[in-house]
C-alpha atoms as a PDB file:
ATOM      1  CA  MET A   1     -44.958 -45.511  19.195  1.00  0.00           C
ATOM      2  CA  SER A   2     -45.215 -43.842  22.998  1.00  0.00           C
ATOM      3  CA  THR A   3     -45.285 -39.516  23.459  1.00  0.00           C
ATOM      4  CA  LYS A   4     -42.111 -40.249  25.457  1.00  0.00           C
ATOM      5  CA  ASP A   5     -40.162 -42.099  22.355  1.00  0.00           C
ATOM      6  CA  ALA A   6     -41.471 -39.699  19.674  1.00  0.00           C
ATOM      7  CA  TYR A   7     -39.915 -36.904  22.150  1.00  0.00           C
ATOM      8  CA  LYS A   8     -36.655 -38.795  22.551  1.00  0.00           C
ATOM      9  CA  GLN A   9     -36.516 -38.900  18.767  1.00  0.00           C
ATOM     10  CA  LYS A  10     -37.602 -35.042  18.618  1.00  0.00           C
ATOM     11  CA  ILE A  11     -34.360 -34.426  20.953  1.00  0.00           C
ATOM     12  CA  GLU A  12     -31.670 -36.966  19.195  1.00  0.00           C
ATOM     13  CA  ALA A  13     -31.848 -35.372  16.120  1.00  0.00           C
ATOM     14  CA  GLU A  14     -31.941 -32.088  17.204  1.00  0.00           C
ATOM     15  CA  ILE A  15     -29.164 -33.100  18.885  1.00  0.00           C
ATOM     16  CA  GLU A  16     -27.517 -34.725  15.504  1.00  0.00           C
ATOM     17  CA  ARG A  17     -28.023 -31.434  14.078  1.00  0.00           C
ATOM     18  CA  ALA A  18     -26.443 -29.330  16.853  1.00  0.00           C
ATOM     19  CA  GLN A  19     -23.672 -31.586  16.239  1.00  0.00           C
ATOM     20  CA  ALA A  20     -23.580 -31.061  12.298  1.00  0.00           C
ATOM     21  CA  LYS A  21     -23.109 -27.016  13.250  1.00  0.00           C
ATOM     22  CA  LEU A  22     -19.950 -27.554  15.735  1.00  0.00           C
ATOM     23  CA  ALA A  23     -18.486 -29.772  13.535  1.00  0.00           C
ATOM     24  CA  ASP A  24     -18.717 -26.893  10.705  1.00  0.00           C
ATOM     25  CA  LEU A  25     -17.320 -24.385  13.304  1.00  0.00           C
ATOM     26  CA  LYS A  26     -14.502 -26.506  14.362  1.00  0.00           C
ATOM     27  CA  ALA A  27     -13.575 -26.749  10.172  1.00  0.00           C
ATOM     28  CA  GLU A  28     -13.957 -22.875  10.024  1.00  0.00           C
ATOM     29  CA  ALA A  29     -11.505 -22.688  13.324  1.00  0.00           C
ATOM     30  CA  LYS A  30      -8.831 -25.180  10.895  1.00  0.00           C
ATOM     31  CA  SER A  31      -8.654 -22.575   8.564  1.00  0.00           C
ATOM     32  CA  SER A  32      -8.810 -19.681  11.034  1.00  0.00           C
ATOM     33  CA  ALA A  33      -5.544 -16.732  12.034  1.00  0.00           C
ATOM     34  CA  ALA A  34      -4.420 -17.987  14.933  1.00  0.00           C
ATOM     35  CA  ASP A  35      -6.210 -15.452  17.366  1.00  0.00           C
ATOM     36  CA  ALA A  36      -9.430 -15.977  15.210  1.00  0.00           C
ATOM     37  CA  ARG A  37      -9.493 -19.825  15.765  1.00  0.00           C
ATOM     38  CA  ILE A  38      -8.274 -19.241  19.970  1.00  0.00           C
ATOM     39  CA  GLN A  39     -12.495 -17.444  19.792  1.00  0.00           C
ATOM     40  CA  TYR A  40     -13.041 -20.218  17.908  1.00  0.00           C
ATOM     41  CA  ASP A  41     -11.498 -23.462  20.124  1.00  0.00           C
ATOM     42  CA  LYS A  42     -13.115 -21.464  23.121  1.00  0.00           C
ATOM     43  CA  HIS A  43     -17.129 -21.705  21.587  1.00  0.00           C
ATOM     44  CA  ILE A  44     -16.680 -24.615  20.430  1.00  0.00           C
ATOM     45  CA  GLU A  45     -15.792 -26.203  23.905  1.00  0.00           C
ATOM     46  CA  GLU A  46     -18.765 -24.384  25.604  1.00  0.00           C
ATOM     47  CA  LEU A  47     -21.080 -25.847  22.465  1.00  0.00           C
ATOM     48  CA  GLU A  48     -19.946 -29.457  23.591  1.00  0.00           C
ATOM     49  CA  ASP A  49     -20.525 -29.255  27.181  1.00  0.00           C
ATOM     50  CA  LYS A  50     -24.060 -27.869  26.278  1.00  0.00           C
ATOM     51  CA  ILE A  51     -24.587 -30.869  24.201  1.00  0.00           C
ATOM     52  CA  ASP A  52     -22.810 -33.460  26.959  1.00  0.00           C
ATOM     53  CA  ALA A  53     -25.609 -31.822  29.367  1.00  0.00           C
ATOM     54  CA  THR A  54     -28.229 -31.964  26.606  1.00  0.00           C
ATOM     55  CA  LYS A  55     -27.495 -35.862  25.603  1.00  0.00           C
ATOM     56  CA  ALA A  56     -27.111 -36.506  29.913  1.00  0.00           C
ATOM     57  CA  LYS A  57     -30.742 -34.947  30.422  1.00  0.00           C
ATOM     58  CA  LEU A  58     -32.220 -37.034  27.463  1.00  0.00           C
ATOM     59  CA  LYS A  59     -30.662 -40.328  29.057  1.00  0.00           C
ATOM     60  CA  GLU A  60     -32.585 -39.258  31.655  1.00  0.00           C
ATOM     61  CA  LEU A  61     -34.633 -39.307  30.119  1.00  0.00           C
ATOM     62  CA  GLY A  62     -34.741 -42.039  28.307  1.00  0.00           C
ATOM     63  CA  GLU A  63     -34.543 -44.440  31.440  1.00  0.00           C
ATOM     64  CA  ALA A  64     -37.346 -43.032  33.085  1.00  0.00           C
ATOM     65  CA  SER A  65     -40.429 -45.254  33.216  1.00  0.00           C
ATOM     66  CA  GLU A  66     -43.893 -43.887  31.342  1.00  0.00           C
ATOM     67  CA  ASP A  67     -44.726 -41.947  34.291  1.00  0.00           C
ATOM     68  CA  ALA A  68     -41.997 -40.525  35.412  1.00  0.00           C
ATOM     69  CA  TRP A  69     -41.215 -38.472  32.058  1.00  0.00           C
ATOM     70  CA  GLU A  70     -43.520 -36.226  32.240  1.00  0.00           C
ATOM     71  CA  HIS A  71     -41.781 -34.796  34.776  1.00  0.00           C
ATOM     72  CA  LEU A  72     -37.758 -34.655  33.553  1.00  0.00           C
ATOM     73  CA  LYS A  73     -39.600 -33.213  30.473  1.00  0.00           C
ATOM     74  CA  ASN A  74     -38.852 -29.876  31.279  1.00  0.00           C
ATOM     75  CA  GLY A  75     -35.237 -30.475  32.226  1.00  0.00           C
ATOM     76  CA  ALA A  76     -35.079 -32.060  28.718  1.00  0.00           C
ATOM     77  CA  GLU A  77     -36.479 -28.958  27.466  1.00  0.00           C
ATOM     78  CA  SER A  78     -34.428 -26.170  29.333  1.00  0.00           C
ATOM     79  CA  ALA A  79     -31.926 -28.472  27.969  1.00  0.00           C
ATOM     80  CA  TRP A  80     -32.476 -28.237  25.079  1.00  0.00           C
ATOM     81  CA  SER A  81     -32.829 -24.410  24.505  1.00  0.00           C
ATOM     82  CA  THR A  82     -29.409 -23.802  26.068  1.00  0.00           C
ATOM     83  CA  LEU A  83     -28.334 -25.430  23.913  1.00  0.00           C
ATOM     84  CA  SER A  84     -30.099 -24.378  20.563  1.00  0.00           C
ATOM     85  CA  ASN A  85     -30.053 -20.540  21.927  1.00  0.00           C
ATOM     86  CA  ALA A  86     -25.979 -21.472  22.397  1.00  0.00           C
ATOM     87  CA  VAL A  87     -25.693 -22.473  18.909  1.00  0.00           C
ATOM     88  CA  ARG A  88     -26.920 -20.233  16.890  1.00  0.00           C
ATOM     89  CA  ASP A  89     -25.341 -17.453  18.918  1.00  0.00           C
ATOM     90  CA  SER A  90     -22.443 -18.569  18.697  1.00  0.00           C
ATOM     91  CA  ALA A  91     -22.816 -19.104  14.622  1.00  0.00           C
ATOM     92  CA  ALA A  92     -23.333 -16.206  14.518  1.00  0.00           C
ATOM     93  CA  LYS A  93     -20.742 -13.760  17.143  1.00  0.00           C
ATOM     94  CA  LEU A  94     -18.351 -16.380  14.935  1.00  0.00           C
ATOM     95  CA  LYS A  95     -19.376 -15.983  11.325  1.00  0.00           C
ATOM     96  CA  GLU A  96     -19.856 -11.673  11.913  1.00  0.00           C
ATOM     97  CA  LYS A  97     -16.429 -11.699  13.888  1.00  0.00           C
ATOM     98  CA  PHE A  98     -14.658 -13.146  11.479  1.00  0.00           C
ATOM     99  CA  LYS A  99     -16.363 -12.678   8.512  1.00  0.00           C
ATOM    100  CA  ASP A 100     -14.094 -11.265   5.169  1.00  0.00           C
END
């Protein structure tokens, strides 16, 4: 397996974890009161946008040649970092704001 393929698999696994966390937030939003649900929905929409952006960067990375992928790696890492931080921050903010 090439370094590019291994890196791509790593990011794909991280995206799957982010999507699982997003699914958890959606489930919590469904059981929340109306005003709390608005906050959940806002964070969920932002996370979905970041997941889509990360997937787009990963697609670019996957389509790049072995020589060119290193140049795209930084963009993919940046998108992943943004997504990872957003998932962590959103989950913490929502849990803190709406904890029982």
